[in-house]
Amino acid sequence: MTLSPRKINLFLLAKLPSAFISGVRLKSITDAKCVTTAKYKWINQNPFGSMYFAVQAMASELATGALVLKKIQESGNKVSMLVTHNTGSYFKKVKGRVHFTCNDGVFISETLQKAFETKEGQKMTLAVTATDEAGDEVAKFTYEWSVKVKN
């Protein structure tokens, strides 16, 4: 079974309803990158007239997590994964649709390969850039994921 935007978005509805209701969606996923989106609307606003930071965090985490899940699934191995650290920097108010892009697919593959070879847990820091409809960078995020091959 291959991960697709439709499958991930249905997963959000079933297992992460707050992300789904807030408008977080997976737009595309390839071996190299993952793009998620969220659109500013009443349900995800903050009191200052822009998208609430937690919605941006959910969308950015999904951009990294879906890519890690895809690589694990393709490997055929059982691997546990957990966010151990994250950062977020916000540069501009979000008023429309934002795209959250993680381009670390190759790095994820390399880290998982090291975990398979050593049978030891590995950590990887993945970056996400958030851009608005005009192409302006509105935020940056990093997520440290810990992965470990299950026995």
Protein backbone atom coordinates (compact mmCIF):
# COMPACT_ATOMS: atom_id res chain seq x y z
CA MET A 1 0.00 0.00 0.00
CA THR A 2 1.49 3.33 -1.08
CA LEU A 3 0.95 6.50 0.90
CA SER A 4 -1.01 9.11 -1.00
CA PRO A 5 -2.44 12.51 -0.12
CA ARG A 6 -5.94 10.99 0.00
CA LYS A 7 -4.89 8.26 2.46
CA ILE A 8 -3.01 10.68 4.70
CA ASN A 9 -5.91 13.16 4.68
CA LEU A 10 -8.34 10.37 5.67
CA PHE A 11 -5.88 9.40 8.43
CA LEU A 12 -6.02 13.02 9.67
CA LEU A 13 -9.80 12.87 9.80
CA ALA A 14 -9.75 9.61 11.77
CA LYS A 15 -6.74 10.05 14.05
CA LEU A 16 -5.94 13.80 14.15
CA PRO A 17 -9.33 15.49 13.80
CA SER A 18 -8.09 18.85 15.14
CA ALA A 19 -5.64 19.07 12.22
CA PHE A 20 -8.31 18.04 9.72
CA ILE A 21 -10.92 20.48 11.06
CA SER A 22 -8.30 23.26 11.07
CA GLY A 23 -7.79 22.71 7.34
CA VAL A 24 -4.39 20.98 7.34
CA ARG A 25 -4.02 18.83 4.20
CA LEU A 26 -1.26 16.87 2.52
CA LYS A 27 -0.96 18.23 -1.02
CA SER A 28 1.82 16.10 -2.51
CA ILE A 29 4.45 13.57 -1.52
CA THR A 30 7.39 12.18 -3.51
CA ASP A 31 10.62 10.40 -2.62
CA ALA A 32 12.35 13.76 -2.18
CA LYS A 33 9.76 16.09 -0.69
CA CYS A 34 6.41 16.54 0.97
CA VAL A 35 4.10 19.54 0.74
CA THR A 36 1.22 20.25 3.09
CA THR A 37 -1.15 23.20 3.11
CA ALA A 38 -3.40 25.14 5.43
CA LYS A 39 -5.65 28.07 4.60
CA TYR A 40 -6.46 30.90 6.96
CA LYS A 41 -10.14 30.78 7.94
CA TRP A 42 -12.38 31.40 10.92
CA ILE A 43 -11.74 28.01 12.57
CA ASN A 44 -7.94 28.46 12.68
CA GLN A 45 -7.61 32.18 13.38
CA ASN A 46 -5.90 33.82 16.32
CA PRO A 47 -7.09 37.05 18.00
CA PHE A 48 -4.63 39.06 15.88
CA GLY A 49 -6.21 38.34 12.51
CA SER A 50 -3.93 35.62 11.20
CA MET A 51 -3.52 31.84 11.30
CA TYR A 52 -2.92 30.42 14.77
CA PHE A 53 0.66 29.22 15.21
CA ALA A 54 -0.44 25.75 16.33
CA VAL A 55 -2.14 25.14 12.98
CA GLN A 56 1.11 26.05 11.24
CA ALA A 57 2.95 23.67 13.56
CA MET A 58 0.54 20.82 12.75
CA ALA A 59 0.93 21.38 9.01
CA SER A 60 4.72 21.60 9.21
CA GLU A 61 5.00 18.50 11.39
CA LEU A 62 2.84 16.59 8.91
CA ALA A 63 5.22 17.60 6.09
CA THR A 64 8.07 15.85 7.91
CA GLY A 65 6.12 12.99 9.48
CA ALA A 66 4.40 11.88 6.28
CA LEU A 67 7.77 11.77 4.51
CA VAL A 68 9.28 9.66 7.31
CA LEU A 69 6.24 7.35 7.22
CA LYS A 70 6.58 6.96 3.45
CA LYS A 71 10.25 5.98 3.73
CA ILE A 72 9.53 3.52 6.56
CA GLN A 73 6.68 1.93 4.61
CA GLU A 74 8.85 1.56 1.49
CA SER A 75 11.61 -0.11 3.52
CA GLY A 76 9.33 -2.92 4.67
CA ASN A 77 10.81 -2.70 8.19
CA LYS A 78 9.00 -2.00 11.42
CA VAL A 79 10.30 1.28 12.81
CA SER A 80 9.13 3.42 15.70
CA MET A 81 9.25 7.17 15.22
CA LEU A 82 8.88 10.05 17.64
CA VAL A 83 9.36 13.83 17.58
CA THR A 84 11.95 14.65 20.24
CA HIS A 85 12.44 18.38 19.57
CA ASN A 86 11.01 21.12 17.40
CA THR A 87 11.47 24.82 16.71
CA GLY A 88 9.42 27.37 14.84
CA SER A 89 10.14 30.90 13.69
CA TYR A 90 7.37 33.11 12.32
CA PHE A 91 8.10 36.04 10.03
CA LYS A 92 4.82 37.30 8.61
CA LYS A 93 1.08 37.15 9.35
CA VAL A 94 -0.70 34.41 7.45
CA LYS A 95 -3.91 35.56 5.77
CA GLY A 96 -4.35 33.08 2.89
CA ARG A 97 -3.14 29.61 1.91
CA VAL A 98 0.29 28.53 3.11
CA HIS A 99 2.44 25.71 1.70
CA PHE A 100 4.74 23.83 4.09
CA THR A 101 7.59 22.08 2.27
CA CYS A 102 10.08 19.51 3.53
CA ASN A 103 12.81 18.59 1.00
CA ASP A 104 14.67 16.08 3.20
CA GLY A 105 13.63 12.77 1.61
CA VAL A 106 17.20 11.74 0.73
CA PHE A 107 18.43 12.53 4.25
CA ILE A 108 15.59 10.48 5.74
CA SER A 109 16.53 7.50 3.54
CA GLU A 110 20.17 7.76 4.63
CA THR A 111 19.26 7.97 8.32
CA LEU A 112 16.89 5.00 8.11
CA GLN A 113 19.55 2.96 6.30
CA LYS A 114 21.97 3.69 9.13
CA ALA A 115 19.33 2.56 11.65
CA PHE A 116 18.79 -0.69 9.71
CA GLU A 117 22.52 -1.39 9.54
CA THR A 118 23.41 -0.54 13.14
CA LYS A 119 20.14 -1.63 14.80
CA GLU A 120 20.54 1.50 16.94
CA GLY A 121 18.19 4.45 17.27
CA GLN A 122 18.99 7.42 15.06
CA LYS A 123 18.01 11.08 15.20
CA MET A 124 17.48 13.36 12.25
CA THR A 125 16.60 17.04 12.08
CA LEU A 126 14.24 17.88 9.23
CA ALA A 127 13.51 21.39 7.97
CA VAL A 128 10.25 22.88 6.73
CA THR A 129 9.77 26.19 4.94
CA ALA A 130 6.35 27.84 4.90
CA THR A 131 5.46 30.15 2.02
CA ASP A 132 2.33 32.16 1.30
CA GLU A 133 0.46 32.55 -1.98
CA ALA A 134 2.84 35.32 -3.08
CA GLY A 135 5.83 33.02 -2.51
CA ASP A 136 7.02 34.94 0.55
CA GLU A 137 8.53 32.93 3.39
CA VAL A 138 6.22 33.24 6.40
CA ALA A 139 7.80 30.72 8.78
CA LYS A 140 10.51 28.08 9.23
CA PHE A 141 10.38 24.95 11.33
CA THR A 142 12.69 22.13 12.36
CA TYR A 143 11.67 18.76 13.75
CA GLU A 144 14.04 16.29 15.34
CA TRP A 145 12.73 12.79 14.76
CA SER A 146 14.03 9.74 16.57
CA VAL A 147 13.71 6.45 14.67
CA LYS A 148 14.43 2.98 15.95
CA VAL A 149 14.04 -0.40 14.27
CA LYS A 150 11.63 -2.60 16.20
CA ASN A 151 12.71 -6.13 17.14
